[in-house]
Protein backbone atom coordinates (compact mmCIF):
# COMPACT_ATOMS: atom_id res chain seq x y z
CA MET A 1 -12.43 17.97 6.90
CA ASN A 2 -12.10 15.70 3.86
CA ASN A 3 -11.35 11.96 3.96
CA ILE A 4 -7.74 12.37 2.93
CA GLU A 5 -7.14 15.15 5.66
CA SER A 6 -8.66 12.98 8.18
CA PHE A 7 -6.79 10.09 7.22
CA LYS A 8 -3.42 11.99 7.43
CA LYS A 9 -4.42 13.47 10.79
CA THR A 10 -4.89 9.88 12.08
CA LEU A 11 -1.79 8.61 10.69
CA ASP A 12 -0.05 11.55 12.36
CA GLN A 13 -1.72 10.64 15.78
CA GLU A 14 -0.95 7.05 15.56
CA TYR A 15 2.74 6.78 14.13
CA ASN A 16 5.80 8.71 15.02
CA PHE A 17 7.47 9.41 11.70
CA PRO A 18 9.73 8.33 10.13
CA CYS A 19 8.43 4.79 10.77
CA GLU A 20 7.73 1.35 9.14
CA TYR A 21 4.41 1.05 7.63
CA SER A 22 2.84 -1.83 6.02
CA PHE A 23 0.68 -1.38 2.84
CA LYS A 24 -1.65 -4.30 2.14
CA PHE A 25 -3.12 -4.77 -1.60
CA ILE A 26 -4.87 -7.64 -3.25
CA VAL A 27 -4.77 -7.70 -7.20
CA THR A 28 -5.17 -9.87 -10.09
CA ASN A 29 -2.24 -12.15 -10.57
CA ASP A 30 -1.37 -9.99 -13.95
CA SER A 31 -1.13 -6.86 -11.93
CA LYS A 32 1.23 -8.07 -9.16
CA GLU A 33 4.54 -6.24 -10.67
CA ASP A 34 2.38 -2.95 -10.84
CA VAL A 35 1.91 -3.26 -7.14
CA ILE A 36 5.57 -4.29 -6.48
CA SER A 37 6.78 -1.26 -8.30
CA LEU A 38 5.15 1.29 -6.03
CA LEU A 39 8.11 0.32 -3.56
CA PRO A 40 10.50 -1.78 -5.09
CA GLU A 41 12.96 -1.77 -2.12
CA ALA A 42 10.09 -2.86 0.47
CA LYS A 43 10.00 -5.85 2.20
CA LYS A 44 7.44 -8.04 0.40
CA ASN A 45 5.06 -10.69 1.43
CA ILE A 46 3.26 -12.15 -1.30
CA LYS A 47 0.59 -14.88 -1.22
CA ILE A 48 -1.26 -16.33 -4.31
CA SER A 49 -4.96 -17.48 -4.03
CA LYS A 50 -5.76 -21.11 -4.21
CA LYS A 51 -6.83 -20.91 -7.98
CA GLY A 52 -3.93 -18.58 -8.87
CA LYS A 53 -5.95 -15.76 -10.05
CA TYR A 54 -5.36 -13.15 -7.10
CA VAL A 55 -2.40 -11.98 -5.05
CA SER A 56 -2.19 -10.78 -1.83
CA ILE A 57 0.65 -8.36 -1.33
CA THR A 58 1.91 -6.70 1.76
CA LEU A 59 4.84 -3.93 1.18
CA SER A 60 6.63 -2.60 4.43
CA SER A 61 8.78 0.13 4.04
CA ILE A 62 9.89 3.25 6.08
CA MET A 63 7.70 6.26 5.51
CA LYS A 64 8.87 9.63 6.29
CA SER A 65 5.44 11.23 6.69
CA ALA A 66 1.60 10.81 6.52
CA ASP A 67 1.89 12.70 2.96
CA GLU A 68 4.21 9.99 1.73
CA ILE A 69 1.82 7.22 2.70
CA VAL A 70 -1.16 9.19 1.01
CA TYR A 71 0.95 9.36 -2.23
CA ILE A 72 1.30 5.64 -2.35
CA TYR A 73 -2.35 5.05 -1.89
CA ASP A 74 -2.98 7.44 -4.75
CA GLU A 75 -0.43 5.87 -7.17
CA ALA A 76 -1.75 2.24 -5.93
CA ALA A 77 -5.40 3.52 -6.91
CA LYS A 78 -4.37 3.82 -10.67
CA ILE A 79 -3.70 0.15 -10.78
CA ASN A 80 -6.47 -1.64 -12.49
CA SER A 81 -8.90 -3.72 -9.99
CA ILE A 82 -6.68 -3.14 -6.82
CA ILE A 83 -8.17 -3.53 -3.29
CA SER A 84 -6.32 -1.64 -0.59
CA LEU A 85 -6.81 -2.99 2.77
């Protein structure tokens, strides 16, 4: 079983879809809008680092399936210098 399939299986075991899911990312301040555009309607919690170079972003939204969560992570991986937590 590959990592993606294992992750989807874990999501299916841990969550009853549809459900609220929180994505957590760290990016440079200039990539903040790219992350927010992943889920523009999501609840947002944004914290800027002390020196203002990095931003921690939590996006919470109703997800319909594990596939939808994996899709968001795949899209996020395309953002330069992103860290997904």
